[in-house]
Amino acid sequence: MFARLENLIGGKLFLIVFLIILAQLSVIAGGLNLTETAQAKSKSSGNEAVREINSGLDLTGRTKTEVLKLIGAPWEKDMSPAKARYNEKWTYSCEDKRGANSNCLFIYFSTDRVKKVEIY
């Protein structure tokens, strides 16, 4: 009788501790900011990067370090793990000095290498 009671109490205690830990982890994960805003040279640096790519610069296969050296820092880095085809997306601002949107540049990385470049 006592062995069964101890197992029952131990099982409930384990469940309670497990739920507390799970709740703490969800609070921590909810507070993580997986989108990093990295202030680039200026908002128009996206347009400068687009000009470089349109003039023949091929970034496919290059490392993040190489991309930074070639076209500078992105306006935003999205590192959220919800994507299946890439694990990081860099966005270069598509606003000009007047605030108009044009030529948005997105660079997708798989591990440390550029997988895809899109201009909208």
PDB file of N, CA and C in Angstrom:
ATOM      1  N   MET A   1       0.816  -1.198   0.000  1.00  0.00           N
ATOM      2  CA  MET A   1       0.000   0.000   0.000  1.00  0.00           C
ATOM      3  C   MET A   1       0.856   1.257   0.000  1.00  0.00           C
ATOM      4  N   PHE A   2       1.905   1.288   0.863  1.00  0.00           N
ATOM      5  CA  PHE A   2       2.746   2.479   0.957  1.00  0.00           C
ATOM      6  C   PHE A   2       3.571   2.681  -0.314  1.00  0.00           C
ATOM      7  N   ALA A   3       4.016   1.596  -0.929  1.00  0.00           N
ATOM      8  CA  ALA A   3       4.808   1.720  -2.153  1.00  0.00           C
ATOM      9  C   ALA A   3       3.969   2.362  -3.254  1.00  0.00           C
ATOM     10  N   ARG A   4       2.719   1.971  -3.344  1.00  0.00           N
ATOM     11  CA  ARG A   4       1.847   2.535  -4.368  1.00  0.00           C
ATOM     12  C   ARG A   4       1.578   4.012  -4.093  1.00  0.00           C
ATOM     13  N   LEU A   5       1.391   4.367  -2.824  1.00  0.00           N
ATOM     14  CA  LEU A   5       1.146   5.752  -2.453  1.00  0.00           C
ATOM     15  C   LEU A   5       2.368   6.611  -2.754  1.00  0.00           C
ATOM     16  N   GLU A   6       3.566   6.095  -2.457  1.00  0.00           N
ATOM     17  CA  GLU A   6       4.798   6.844  -2.738  1.00  0.00           C
ATOM     18  C   GLU A   6       4.982   7.040  -4.244  1.00  0.00           C
ATOM     19  N   ASN A   7       4.693   6.016  -5.023  1.00  0.00           N
ATOM     20  CA  ASN A   7       4.803   6.143  -6.481  1.00  0.00           C
ATOM     21  C   ASN A   7       3.819   7.173  -7.014  1.00  0.00           C
ATOM     22  N   LEU A   8       2.621   7.177  -6.448  1.00  0.00           N
ATOM     23  CA  LEU A   8       1.609   8.135  -6.867  1.00  0.00           C
ATOM     24  C   LEU A   8       2.043   9.557  -6.541  1.00  0.00           C
ATOM     25  N   ILE A   9       2.548   9.783  -5.337  1.00  0.00           N
ATOM     26  CA  ILE A   9       3.016  11.114  -4.933  1.00  0.00           C
ATOM     27  C   ILE A   9       4.215  11.522  -5.783  1.00  0.00           C
ATOM     28  N   GLY A  10       5.159  10.597  -5.985  1.00  0.00           N
ATOM     29  CA  GLY A  10       6.337  10.881  -6.804  1.00  0.00           C
ATOM     30  C   GLY A  10       5.960  11.224  -8.233  1.00  0.00           C
ATOM     31  N   GLY A  11       4.974  10.518  -8.781  1.00  0.00           N
ATOM     32  CA  GLY A  11       4.516  10.785 -10.143  1.00  0.00           C
ATOM     33  C   GLY A  11       3.870  12.148 -10.266  1.00  0.00           C
ATOM     34  N   LYS A  12       3.063  12.516  -9.280  1.00  0.00           N
ATOM     35  CA  LYS A  12       2.426  13.834  -9.300  1.00  0.00           C
ATOM     36  C   LYS A  12       3.463  14.929  -9.134  1.00  0.00           C
ATOM     37  N   LEU A  13       4.428  14.684  -8.242  1.00  0.00           N
ATOM     38  CA  LEU A  13       5.484  15.671  -8.029  1.00  0.00           C
ATOM     39  C   LEU A  13       6.287  15.879  -9.309  1.00  0.00           C
ATOM     40  N   PHE A  14       6.619  14.782  -9.987  1.00  0.00           N
ATOM     41  CA  PHE A  14       7.353  14.875 -11.243  1.00  0.00           C
ATOM     42  C   PHE A  14       6.555  15.683 -12.270  1.00  0.00           C
ATOM     43  N   LEU A  15       5.255  15.405 -12.363  1.00  0.00           N
ATOM     44  CA  LEU A  15       4.405  16.110 -13.317  1.00  0.00           C
ATOM     45  C   LEU A  15       4.348  17.604 -13.009  1.00  0.00           C
ATOM     46  N   ILE A  16       4.228  17.950 -11.740  1.00  0.00           N
ATOM     47  CA  ILE A  16       4.173  19.357 -11.343  1.00  0.00           C
ATOM     48  C   ILE A  16       5.482  20.063 -11.680  1.00  0.00           C
ATOM     49  N   VAL A  17       6.605  19.430 -11.341  1.00  0.00           N
ATOM     50  CA  VAL A  17       7.917  20.022 -11.641  1.00  0.00           C
ATOM     51  C   VAL A  17       8.090  20.162 -13.149  1.00  0.00           C
ATOM     52  N   PHE A  18       7.694  19.143 -13.901  1.00  0.00           N
ATOM     53  CA  PHE A  18       7.801  19.187 -15.355  1.00  0.00           C
ATOM     54  C   PHE A  18       6.992  20.351 -15.932  1.00  0.00           C
ATOM     55  N   LEU A  19       5.766  20.535 -15.459  1.00  0.00           N
ATOM     56  CA  LEU A  19       4.924  21.621 -15.961  1.00  0.00           C
ATOM     57  C   LEU A  19       5.493  22.992 -15.605  1.00  0.00           C
ATOM     58  N   ILE A  20       6.081  23.115 -14.424  1.00  0.00           N
ATOM     59  CA  ILE A  20       6.703  24.386 -14.032  1.00  0.00           C
ATOM     60  C   ILE A  20       7.880  24.703 -14.944  1.00  0.00           C
ATOM     61  N   ILE A  21       8.712  23.711 -15.206  1.00  0.00           N
ATOM     62  CA  ILE A  21       9.874  23.914 -16.092  1.00  0.00           C
ATOM     63  C   ILE A  21       9.403  24.259 -17.502  1.00  0.00           C
ATOM     64  N   LEU A  22       8.387  23.567 -17.981  1.00  0.00           N
ATOM     65  CA  LEU A  22       7.856  23.840 -19.314  1.00  0.00           C
ATOM     66  C   LEU A  22       7.322  25.265 -19.410  1.00  0.00           C
ATOM     67  N   ALA A  23       6.629  25.714 -18.376  1.00  0.00           N
ATOM     68  CA  ALA A  23       6.106  27.084 -18.364  1.00  0.00           C
ATOM     69  C   ALA A  23       7.240  28.098 -18.372  1.00  0.00           C
ATOM     70  N   GLN A  24       8.294  27.837 -17.619  1.00  0.00           N
ATOM     71  CA  GLN A  24       9.442  28.744 -17.587  1.00  0.00           C
ATOM     72  C   GLN A  24      10.117  28.820 -18.954  1.00  0.00           C
ATOM     73  N   LEU A  25      10.267  27.668 -19.606  1.00  0.00           N
ATOM     74  CA  LEU A  25      10.891  27.654 -20.933  1.00  0.00           C
ATOM     75  C   LEU A  25      10.061  28.423 -21.946  1.00  0.00           C
ATOM     76  N   SER A  26       8.747  28.328 -21.869  1.00  0.00           N
ATOM     77  CA  SER A  26       7.917  29.063 -22.824  1.00  0.00           C
ATOM     78  C   SER A  26       7.995  30.562 -22.578  1.00  0.00           C
ATOM     79  N   VAL A  27       8.139  30.970 -21.326  1.00  0.00           N
ATOM     80  CA  VAL A  27       8.305  32.392 -21.017  1.00  0.00           C
ATOM     81  C   VAL A  27       9.632  32.889 -21.568  1.00  0.00           C
ATOM     82  N   ILE A  28      10.683  32.091 -21.389  1.00  0.00           N
ATOM     83  CA  ILE A  28      12.005  32.477 -21.894  1.00  0.00           C
ATOM     84  C   ILE A  28      11.979  32.553 -23.417  1.00  0.00           C
ATOM     85  N   ALA A  29      11.409  31.529 -24.065  1.00  0.00           N
ATOM     86  CA  ALA A  29      11.358  31.513 -25.532  1.00  0.00           C
ATOM     87  C   ALA A  29      10.505  32.656 -26.058  1.00  0.00           C
ATOM     88  N   GLY A  30       9.451  33.006 -25.366  1.00  0.00           N
ATOM     89  CA  GLY A  30       8.601  34.111 -25.793  1.00  0.00           C
ATOM     90  C   GLY A  30       9.313  35.440 -25.724  1.00  0.00           C
ATOM     91  N   GLY A  31      10.280  35.548 -24.830  1.00  0.00           N
ATOM     92  CA  GLY A  31      11.020  36.793 -24.680  1.00  0.00           C
ATOM     93  C   GLY A  31      12.194  36.926 -25.625  1.00  0.00           C
ATOM     94  N   LEU A  32      12.531  35.852 -26.339  1.00  0.00           N
ATOM     95  CA  LEU A  32      13.652  35.920 -27.269  1.00  0.00           C
ATOM     96  C   LEU A  32      13.260  36.720 -28.495  1.00  0.00           C
ATOM     97  N   ASN A  33      14.148  37.583 -28.909  1.00  0.00           N
ATOM     98  CA  ASN A  33      13.911  38.349 -30.126  1.00  0.00           C
ATOM     99  C   ASN A  33      14.753  37.719 -31.224  1.00  0.00           C
ATOM    100  N   LEU A  34      14.116  36.987 -32.118  1.00  0.00           N
ATOM    101  CA  LEU A  34      14.844  36.301 -33.168  1.00  0.00           C
ATOM    102  C   LEU A  34      14.975  37.138 -34.431  1.00  0.00           C
ATOM    103  N   THR A  35      14.470  38.341 -34.387  1.00  0.00           N
ATOM    104  CA  THR A  35      14.661  39.276 -35.487  1.00  0.00           C
ATOM    105  C   THR A  35      15.518  40.408 -34.970  1.00  0.00           C
ATOM    106  N   GLU A  36      16.701  40.482 -35.482  1.00  0.00           N
ATOM    107  CA  GLU A  36      17.655  41.483 -35.027  1.00  0.00           C
ATOM    108  C   GLU A  36      17.649  42.643 -36.008  1.00  0.00           C
ATOM    109  N   THR A  37      17.496  43.846 -35.494  1.00  0.00           N
ATOM    110  CA  THR A  37      17.585  45.011 -36.360  1.00  0.00           C
ATOM    111  C   THR A  37      19.004  45.542 -36.275  1.00  0.00           C
ATOM    112  N   ALA A  38      19.703  45.427 -37.363  1.00  0.00           N
ATOM    113  CA  ALA A  38      21.086  45.883 -37.426  1.00  0.00           C
ATOM    114  C   ALA A  38      21.100  47.142 -38.272  1.00  0.00           C
ATOM    115  N   GLN A  39      21.274  48.260 -37.649  1.00  0.00           N
ATOM    116  CA  GLN A  39      21.224  49.521 -38.383  1.00  0.00           C
ATOM    117  C   GLN A  39      22.352  49.581 -39.411  1.00  0.00           C
ATOM    118  N   ALA A  40      21.973  49.614 -40.652  1.00  0.00           N
ATOM    119  CA  ALA A  40      22.949  49.695 -41.738  1.00  0.00           C
ATOM    120  C   ALA A  40      23.436  51.127 -41.884  1.00  0.00           C
ATOM    121  N   LYS A  41      24.278  51.358 -42.885  1.00  0.00           N
ATOM    122  CA  LYS A  41      24.818  52.705 -43.126  1.00  0.00           C
ATOM    123  C   LYS A  41      23.694  53.728 -43.197  1.00  0.00           C
ATOM    124  N   SER A  42      22.663  53.409 -43.935  1.00  0.00           N
ATOM    125  CA  SER A  42      21.495  54.277 -44.037  1.00  0.00           C
ATOM    126  C   SER A  42      20.365  53.446 -44.605  1.00  0.00           C
ATOM    127  N   LYS A  43      19.171  53.973 -44.570  1.00  0.00           N
ATOM    128  CA  LYS A  43      18.055  53.232 -45.150  1.00  0.00           C
ATOM    129  C   LYS A  43      18.223  53.065 -46.647  1.00  0.00           C
ATOM    130  N   SER A  44      18.955  53.946 -47.270  1.00  0.00           N
ATOM    131  CA  SER A  44      19.132  53.844 -48.715  1.00  0.00           C
ATOM    132  C   SER A  44      20.204  52.826 -49.088  1.00  0.00           C
ATOM    133  N   SER A  45      20.881  52.218 -48.083  1.00  0.00           N
ATOM    134  CA  SER A  45      21.922  51.243 -48.402  1.00  0.00           C
ATOM    135  C   SER A  45      21.340  50.026 -49.113  1.00  0.00           C
ATOM    136  N   GLY A  46      20.038  49.747 -48.919  1.00  0.00           N
ATOM    137  CA  GLY A  46      19.401  48.667 -49.659  1.00  0.00           C
ATOM    138  C   GLY A  46      19.395  48.961 -51.142  1.00  0.00           C
ATOM    139  N   ASN A  47      19.134  50.205 -51.495  1.00  0.00           N
ATOM    140  CA  ASN A  47      19.154  50.593 -52.906  1.00  0.00           C
ATOM    141  C   ASN A  47      20.563  50.500 -53.477  1.00  0.00           C
ATOM    142  N   GLU A  48      21.556  50.837 -52.669  1.00  0.00           N
ATOM    143  CA  GLU A  48      22.947  50.712 -53.114  1.00  0.00           C
ATOM    144  C   GLU A  48      23.299  49.248 -53.352  1.00  0.00           C
ATOM    145  N   ALA A  49      22.847  48.364 -52.463  1.00  0.00           N
ATOM    146  CA  ALA A  49      23.109  46.931 -52.616  1.00  0.00           C
ATOM    147  C   ALA A  49      22.415  46.383 -53.857  1.00  0.00           C
ATOM    148  N   VAL A  50      21.192  46.835 -54.112  1.00  0.00           N
ATOM    149  CA  VAL A  50      20.461  46.404 -55.312  1.00  0.00           C
ATOM    150  C   VAL A  50      21.215  46.829 -56.561  1.00  0.00           C
ATOM    151  N   ARG A  51      21.738  48.048 -56.571  1.00  0.00           N
ATOM    152  CA  ARG A  51      22.521  48.515 -57.730  1.00  0.00           C
ATOM    153  C   ARG A  51      23.734  47.614 -57.957  1.00  0.00           C
ATOM    154  N   GLU A  52      24.406  47.217 -56.882  1.00  0.00           N
ATOM    155  CA  GLU A  52      25.576  46.329 -57.008  1.00  0.00           C
ATOM    156  C   GLU A  52      25.171  44.992 -57.639  1.00  0.00           C
ATOM    157  N   ILE A  53      24.073  44.426 -57.172  1.00  0.00           N
ATOM    158  CA  ILE A  53      23.619  43.131 -57.685  1.00  0.00           C
ATOM    159  C   ILE A  53      23.150  43.256 -59.130  1.00  0.00           C
ATOM    160  N   ASN A  54      22.421  44.311 -59.437  1.00  0.00           N
ATOM    161  CA  ASN A  54      21.970  44.523 -60.822  1.00  0.00           C
ATOM    162  C   ASN A  54      23.127  44.762 -61.779  1.00  0.00           C
ATOM    163  N   SER A  55      24.251  45.240 -61.256  1.00  0.00           N
ATOM    164  CA  SER A  55      25.412  45.467 -62.126  1.00  0.00           C
ATOM    165  C   SER A  55      26.297  44.225 -62.245  1.00  0.00           C
ATOM    166  N   GLY A  56      25.822  43.080 -61.709  1.00  0.00           N
ATOM    167  CA  GLY A  56      26.541  41.831 -61.944  1.00  0.00           C
ATOM    168  C   GLY A  56      27.125  41.146 -60.724  1.00  0.00           C
ATOM    169  N   LEU A  57      27.002  41.714 -59.551  1.00  0.00           N
ATOM    170  CA  LEU A  57      27.543  41.079 -58.348  1.00  0.00           C
ATOM    171  C   LEU A  57      26.720  39.841 -58.011  1.00  0.00           C
ATOM    172  N   ASP A  58      27.366  38.670 -57.975  1.00  0.00           N
ATOM    173  CA  ASP A  58      26.687  37.410 -57.647  1.00  0.00           C
ATOM    174  C   ASP A  58      27.053  37.015 -56.221  1.00  0.00           C
ATOM    175  N   LEU A  59      26.058  36.954 -55.350  1.00  0.00           N
ATOM    176  CA  LEU A  59      26.299  36.618 -53.948  1.00  0.00           C
ATOM    177  C   LEU A  59      26.066  35.146 -53.640  1.00  0.00           C
ATOM    178  N   THR A  60      25.473  34.406 -54.557  1.00  0.00           N
ATOM    179  CA  THR A  60      25.143  33.005 -54.312  1.00  0.00           C
ATOM    180  C   THR A  60      26.392  32.217 -53.930  1.00  0.00           C
ATOM    181  N   GLY A  61      26.289  31.495 -52.808  1.00  0.00           N
ATOM    182  CA  GLY A  61      27.399  30.679 -52.329  1.00  0.00           C
ATOM    183  C   GLY A  61      28.383  31.412 -51.439  1.00  0.00           C
ATOM    184  N   ARG A  62      28.258  32.718 -51.331  1.00  0.00           N
ATOM    185  CA  ARG A  62      29.191  33.493 -50.501  1.00  0.00           C
ATOM    186  C   ARG A  62      28.827  33.376 -49.025  1.00  0.00           C
ATOM    187  N   THR A  63      29.822  33.598 -48.168  1.00  0.00           N
ATOM    188  CA  THR A  63      29.601  33.545 -46.724  1.00  0.00           C
ATOM    189  C   THR A  63      29.019  34.865 -46.228  1.00  0.00           C
ATOM    190  N   LYS A  64      28.526  34.854 -44.997  1.00  0.00           N
ATOM    191  CA  LYS A  64      27.979  36.072 -44.393  1.00  0.00           C
ATOM    192  C   LYS A  64      29.051  37.151 -44.298  1.00  0.00           C
ATOM    193  N   THR A  65      30.257  36.751 -43.953  1.00  0.00           N
ATOM    194  CA  THR A  65      31.365  37.705 -43.848  1.00  0.00           C
ATOM    195  C   THR A  65      31.650  38.357 -45.191  1.00  0.00           C
ATOM    196  N   GLU A  66      31.641  37.567 -46.250  1.00  0.00           N
ATOM    197  CA  GLU A  66      31.876  38.117 -47.588  1.00  0.00           C
ATOM    198  C   GLU A  66      30.771  39.093 -47.982  1.00  0.00           C
ATOM    199  N   VAL A  67      29.519  38.742 -47.670  1.00  0.00           N
ATOM    200  CA  VAL A  67      28.396  39.624 -48.002  1.00  0.00           C
ATOM    201  C   VAL A  67      28.536  40.947 -47.259  1.00  0.00           C
ATOM    202  N   LEU A  68      28.896  40.886 -45.987  1.00  0.00           N
ATOM    203  CA  LEU A  68      29.085  42.115 -45.206  1.00  0.00           C
ATOM    204  C   LEU A  68      30.157  43.003 -45.820  1.00  0.00           C
ATOM    205  N   LYS A  69      31.245  42.390 -46.276  1.00  0.00           N
ATOM    206  CA  LYS A  69      32.326  43.174 -46.890  1.00  0.00           C
ATOM    207  C   LYS A  69      31.903  43.772 -48.233  1.00  0.00           C
ATOM    208  N   LEU A  70      31.101  43.027 -48.993  1.00  0.00           N
ATOM    209  CA  LEU A  70      30.726  43.473 -50.336  1.00  0.00           C
ATOM    210  C   LEU A  70      29.625  44.533 -50.345  1.00  0.00           C
ATOM    211  N   ILE A  71      28.576  44.343 -49.544  1.00  0.00           N
ATOM    212  CA  ILE A  71      27.449  45.282 -49.614  1.00  0.00           C
ATOM    213  C   ILE A  71      27.059  45.876 -48.264  1.00  0.00           C
ATOM    214  N   GLY A  72      27.774  45.533 -47.219  1.00  0.00           N
ATOM    215  CA  GLY A  72      27.500  46.138 -45.916  1.00  0.00           C
ATOM    216  C   GLY A  72      26.461  45.391 -45.102  1.00  0.00           C
ATOM    217  N   ALA A  73      26.153  45.963 -43.957  1.00  0.00           N
ATOM    218  CA  ALA A  73      25.225  45.343 -43.010  1.00  0.00           C
ATOM    219  C   ALA A  73      23.776  45.478 -43.475  1.00  0.00           C
ATOM    220  N   PRO A  74      22.963  44.461 -43.209  1.00  0.00           N
ATOM    221  CA  PRO A  74      21.544  44.547 -43.569  1.00  0.00           C
ATOM    222  C   PRO A  74      20.782  45.423 -42.585  1.00  0.00           C
ATOM    223  N   TRP A  75      19.601  45.822 -42.992  1.00  0.00           N
ATOM    224  CA  TRP A  75      18.734  46.591 -42.099  1.00  0.00           C
ATOM    225  C   TRP A  75      18.172  45.675 -41.021  1.00  0.00           C
ATOM    226  N   GLU A  76      17.864  44.419 -41.398  1.00  0.00           N
ATOM    227  CA  GLU A  76      17.264  43.484 -40.452  1.00  0.00           C
ATOM    228  C   GLU A  76      17.757  42.070 -40.729  1.00  0.00           C
ATOM    229  N   LYS A  77      17.970  41.305 -39.650  1.00  0.00           N
ATOM    230  CA  LYS A  77      18.328  39.894 -39.763  1.00  0.00           C
ATOM    231  C   LYS A  77      17.231  39.077 -39.095  1.00  0.00           C
ATOM    232  N   ASP A  78      16.612  38.182 -39.861  1.00  0.00           N
ATOM    233  CA  ASP A  78      15.565  37.310 -39.330  1.00  0.00           C
ATOM    234  C   ASP A  78      16.163  35.926 -39.123  1.00  0.00           C
ATOM    235  N   MET A  79      16.295  35.530 -37.856  1.00  0.00           N
ATOM    236  CA  MET A  79      16.893  34.242 -37.531  1.00  0.00           C
ATOM    237  C   MET A  79      15.883  33.290 -36.907  1.00  0.00           C
ATOM    238  N   SER A  80      14.590  33.544 -37.116  1.00  0.00           N
ATOM    239  CA  SER A  80      13.574  32.669 -36.533  1.00  0.00           C
ATOM    240  C   SER A  80      13.648  31.297 -37.199  1.00  0.00           C
ATOM    241  N   PRO A  81      13.490  30.238 -36.409  1.00  0.00           N
ATOM    242  CA  PRO A  81      13.703  28.878 -36.927  1.00  0.00           C
ATOM    243  C   PRO A  81      12.517  28.273 -37.665  1.00  0.00           C
ATOM    244  N   ALA A  82      11.515  29.048 -38.003  1.00  0.00           N
ATOM    245  CA  ALA A  82      10.294  28.496 -38.599  1.00  0.00           C
ATOM    246  C   ALA A  82      10.428  28.175 -40.085  1.00  0.00           C
ATOM    247  N   LYS A  83      11.504  28.563 -40.698  1.00  0.00           N
ATOM    248  CA  LYS A  83      11.646  28.384 -42.141  1.00  0.00           C
ATOM    249  C   LYS A  83      12.294  27.032 -42.460  1.00  0.00           C
ATOM    250  N   ALA A  84      11.878  26.401 -43.533  1.00  0.00           N
ATOM    251  CA  ALA A  84      12.413  25.090 -43.886  1.00  0.00           C
ATOM    252  C   ALA A  84      13.550  25.184 -44.903  1.00  0.00           C
ATOM    253  N   ARG A  85      13.504  26.169 -45.783  1.00  0.00           N
ATOM    254  CA  ARG A  85      14.482  26.226 -46.875  1.00  0.00           C
ATOM    255  C   ARG A  85      15.724  27.035 -46.536  1.00  0.00           C
ATOM    256  N   TYR A  86      15.660  27.852 -45.509  1.00  0.00           N
ATOM    257  CA  TYR A  86      16.806  28.668 -45.117  1.00  0.00           C
ATOM    258  C   TYR A  86      16.735  28.897 -43.619  1.00  0.00           C
ATOM    259  N   ASN A  87      17.854  29.272 -43.021  1.00  0.00           N
ATOM    260  CA  ASN A  87      17.838  29.485 -41.576  1.00  0.00           C
ATOM    261  C   ASN A  87      18.087  30.934 -41.175  1.00  0.00           C
ATOM    262  N   GLU A  88      18.335  31.788 -42.140  1.00  0.00           N
ATOM    263  CA  GLU A  88      18.489  33.209 -41.830  1.00  0.00           C
ATOM    264  C   GLU A  88      18.152  34.027 -43.070  1.00  0.00           C
ATOM    265  N   LYS A  89      17.481  35.155 -42.836  1.00  0.00           N
ATOM    266  CA  LYS A  89      17.083  36.036 -43.946  1.00  0.00           C
ATOM    267  C   LYS A  89      17.531  37.443 -43.597  1.00  0.00           C
ATOM    268  N   TRP A  90      18.301  38.041 -44.499  1.00  0.00           N
ATOM    269  CA  TRP A  90      18.735  39.423 -44.313  1.00  0.00           C
ATOM    270  C   TRP A  90      17.894  40.305 -45.222  1.00  0.00           C
ATOM    271  N   THR A  91      17.408  41.395 -44.664  1.00  0.00           N
ATOM    272  CA  THR A  91      16.622  42.358 -45.431  1.00  0.00           C
ATOM    273  C   THR A  91      17.384  43.666 -45.490  1.00  0.00           C
ATOM    274  N   TYR A  92      17.570  44.144 -46.688  1.00  0.00           N
ATOM    275  CA  TYR A  92      18.186  45.455 -46.878  1.00  0.00           C
ATOM    276  C   TYR A  92      17.063  46.434 -47.139  1.00  0.00           C
ATOM    277  N   SER A  93      17.074  47.550 -46.452  1.00  0.00           N
ATOM    278  CA  SER A  93      15.989  48.524 -46.526  1.00  0.00           C
ATOM    279  C   SER A  93      15.687  48.897 -47.964  1.00  0.00           C
ATOM    280  N   CYS A  94      14.398  48.998 -48.210  1.00  0.00           N
ATOM    281  CA  CYS A  94      13.984  49.367 -49.556  1.00  0.00           C
ATOM    282  C   CYS A  94      13.348  50.751 -49.561  1.00  0.00           C
ATOM    283  N   GLU A  95      13.683  51.552 -48.580  1.00  0.00           N
ATOM    284  CA  GLU A  95      13.175  52.926 -48.538  1.00  0.00           C
ATOM    285  C   GLU A  95      14.236  53.880 -49.066  1.00  0.00           C
ATOM    286  N   ASP A  96      13.801  54.795 -49.881  1.00  0.00           N
ATOM    287  CA  ASP A  96      14.743  55.833 -50.297  1.00  0.00           C
ATOM    288  C   ASP A  96      14.670  56.992 -49.294  1.00  0.00           C
ATOM    289  N   LYS A  97      15.396  58.029 -49.554  1.00  0.00           N
ATOM    290  CA  LYS A  97      15.468  59.147 -48.606  1.00  0.00           C
ATOM    291  C   LYS A  97      14.122  59.835 -48.392  1.00  0.00           C
ATOM    292  N   ARG A  98      13.207  59.690 -49.354  1.00  0.00           N
ATOM    293  CA  ARG A  98      11.866  60.285 -49.215  1.00  0.00           C
ATOM    294  C   ARG A  98      10.909  59.356 -48.482  1.00  0.00           C
ATOM    295  N   GLY A  99      11.335  58.102 -48.221  1.00  0.00           N
ATOM    296  CA  GLY A  99      10.475  57.136 -47.548  1.00  0.00           C
ATOM    297  C   GLY A  99       9.701  56.239 -48.498  1.00  0.00           C
ATOM    298  N   ALA A 100       9.938  56.375 -49.805  1.00  0.00           N
ATOM    299  CA  ALA A 100       9.250  55.536 -50.788  1.00  0.00           C
ATOM    300  C   ALA A 100       9.887  54.147 -50.828  1.00  0.00           C
ATOM    301  N   ASN A 101       9.062  53.123 -50.993  1.00  0.00           N
ATOM    302  CA  ASN A 101       9.560  51.750 -51.054  1.00  0.00           C
ATOM    303  C   ASN A 101       9.798  51.326 -52.494  1.00  0.00           C
ATOM    304  N   SER A 102      10.977  50.799 -52.742  1.00  0.00           N
ATOM    305  CA  SER A 102      11.293  50.238 -54.052  1.00  0.00           C
ATOM    306  C   SER A 102      12.543  49.393 -53.923  1.00  0.00           C
ATOM    307  N   ASN A 103      12.667  48.407 -54.790  1.00  0.00           N
ATOM    308  CA  ASN A 103      13.860  47.568 -54.831  1.00  0.00           C
ATOM    309  C   ASN A 103      14.249  46.990 -53.472  1.00  0.00           C
ATOM    310  N   CYS A 104      13.336  46.240 -52.870  1.00  0.00           N
ATOM    311  CA  CYS A 104      13.651  45.558 -51.612  1.00  0.00           C
ATOM    312  C   CYS A 104      14.582  44.390 -51.913  1.00  0.00           C
ATOM    313  N   LEU A 105      15.591  44.211 -51.094  1.00  0.00           N
ATOM    314  CA  LEU A 105      16.567  43.146 -51.284  1.00  0.00           C
ATOM    315  C   LEU A 105      16.488  42.176 -50.120  1.00  0.00           C
ATOM    316  N   PHE A 106      16.329  40.889 -50.435  1.00  0.00           N
ATOM    317  CA  PHE A 106      16.297  39.833 -49.433  1.00  0.00           C
ATOM    318  C   PHE A 106      17.390  38.827 -49.776  1.00  0.00           C
ATOM    319  N   ILE A 107      18.202  38.489 -48.787  1.00  0.00           N
ATOM    320  CA  ILE A 107      19.254  37.490 -48.973  1.00  0.00           C
ATOM    321  C   ILE A 107      18.978  36.352 -47.997  1.00  0.00           C
ATOM    322  N   TYR A 108      18.872  35.138 -48.534  1.00  0.00           N
ATOM    323  CA  TYR A 108      18.556  33.959 -47.734  1.00  0.00           C
ATOM    324  C   TYR A 108      19.810  33.112 -47.559  1.00  0.00           C
ATOM    325  N   PHE A 109      20.075  32.711 -46.321  1.00  0.00           N
ATOM    326  CA  PHE A 109      21.241  31.898 -46.011  1.00  0.00           C
ATOM    327  C   PHE A 109      20.814  30.500 -45.583  1.00  0.00           C
ATOM    328  N   SER A 110      21.564  29.519 -46.027  1.00  0.00           N
ATOM    329  CA  SER A 110      21.458  28.159 -45.521  1.00  0.00           C
ATOM    330  C   SER A 110      22.792  27.896 -44.850  1.00  0.00           C
ATOM    331  N   THR A 111      22.778  27.699 -43.561  1.00  0.00           N
ATOM    332  CA  THR A 111      23.966  27.681 -42.696  1.00  0.00           C
ATOM    333  C   THR A 111      24.675  29.024 -42.839  1.00  0.00           C
ATOM    334  N   ASP A 112      25.873  29.037 -43.383  1.00  0.00           N
ATOM    335  CA  ASP A 112      26.626  30.295 -43.462  1.00  0.00           C
ATOM    336  C   ASP A 112      26.743  30.810 -44.898  1.00  0.00           C
ATOM    337  N   ARG A 113      26.072  30.173 -45.834  1.00  0.00           N
ATOM    338  CA  ARG A 113      26.226  30.530 -47.251  1.00  0.00           C
ATOM    339  C   ARG A 113      24.929  31.079 -47.843  1.00  0.00           C
ATOM    340  N   VAL A 114      25.078  32.008 -48.787  1.00  0.00           N
ATOM    341  CA  VAL A 114      23.913  32.571 -49.477  1.00  0.00           C
ATOM    342  C   VAL A 114      23.293  31.484 -50.342  1.00  0.00           C
ATOM    343  N   LYS A 115      22.001  31.262 -50.130  1.00  0.00           N
ATOM    344  CA  LYS A 115      21.278  30.274 -50.918  1.00  0.00           C
ATOM    345  C   LYS A 115      20.480  30.939 -52.034  1.00  0.00           C
ATOM    346  N   LYS A 116      19.935  32.142 -51.738  1.00  0.00           N
ATOM    347  CA  LYS A 116      19.060  32.795 -52.710  1.00  0.00           C
ATOM    348  C   LYS A 116      19.085  34.298 -52.480  1.00  0.00           C
ATOM    349  N   VAL A 117      18.972  35.058 -53.571  1.00  0.00           N
ATOM    350  CA  VAL A 117      18.885  36.518 -53.507  1.00  0.00           C
ATOM    351  C   VAL A 117      17.626  36.930 -54.260  1.00  0.00           C
ATOM    352  N   GLU A 118      16.793  37.755 -53.615  1.00  0.00           N
ATOM    353  CA  GLU A 118      15.567  38.240 -54.257  1.00  0.00           C
ATOM    354  C   GLU A 118      15.523  39.758 -54.214  1.00  0.00           C
ATOM    355  N   ILE A 119      15.079  40.337 -55.317  1.00  0.00           N
ATOM    356  CA  ILE A 119      14.869  41.787 -55.392  1.00  0.00           C
ATOM    357  C   ILE A 119      13.409  42.013 -55.770  1.00  0.00           C
ATOM    358  N   TYR A 120      12.708  42.812 -54.968  1.00  0.00           N
ATOM    359  CA  TYR A 120      11.305  43.153 -55.261  1.00  0.00           C
ATOM    360  C   TYR A 120      11.168  44.634 -55.422  1.00  0.00           C
TER     361      TYR A 120
END
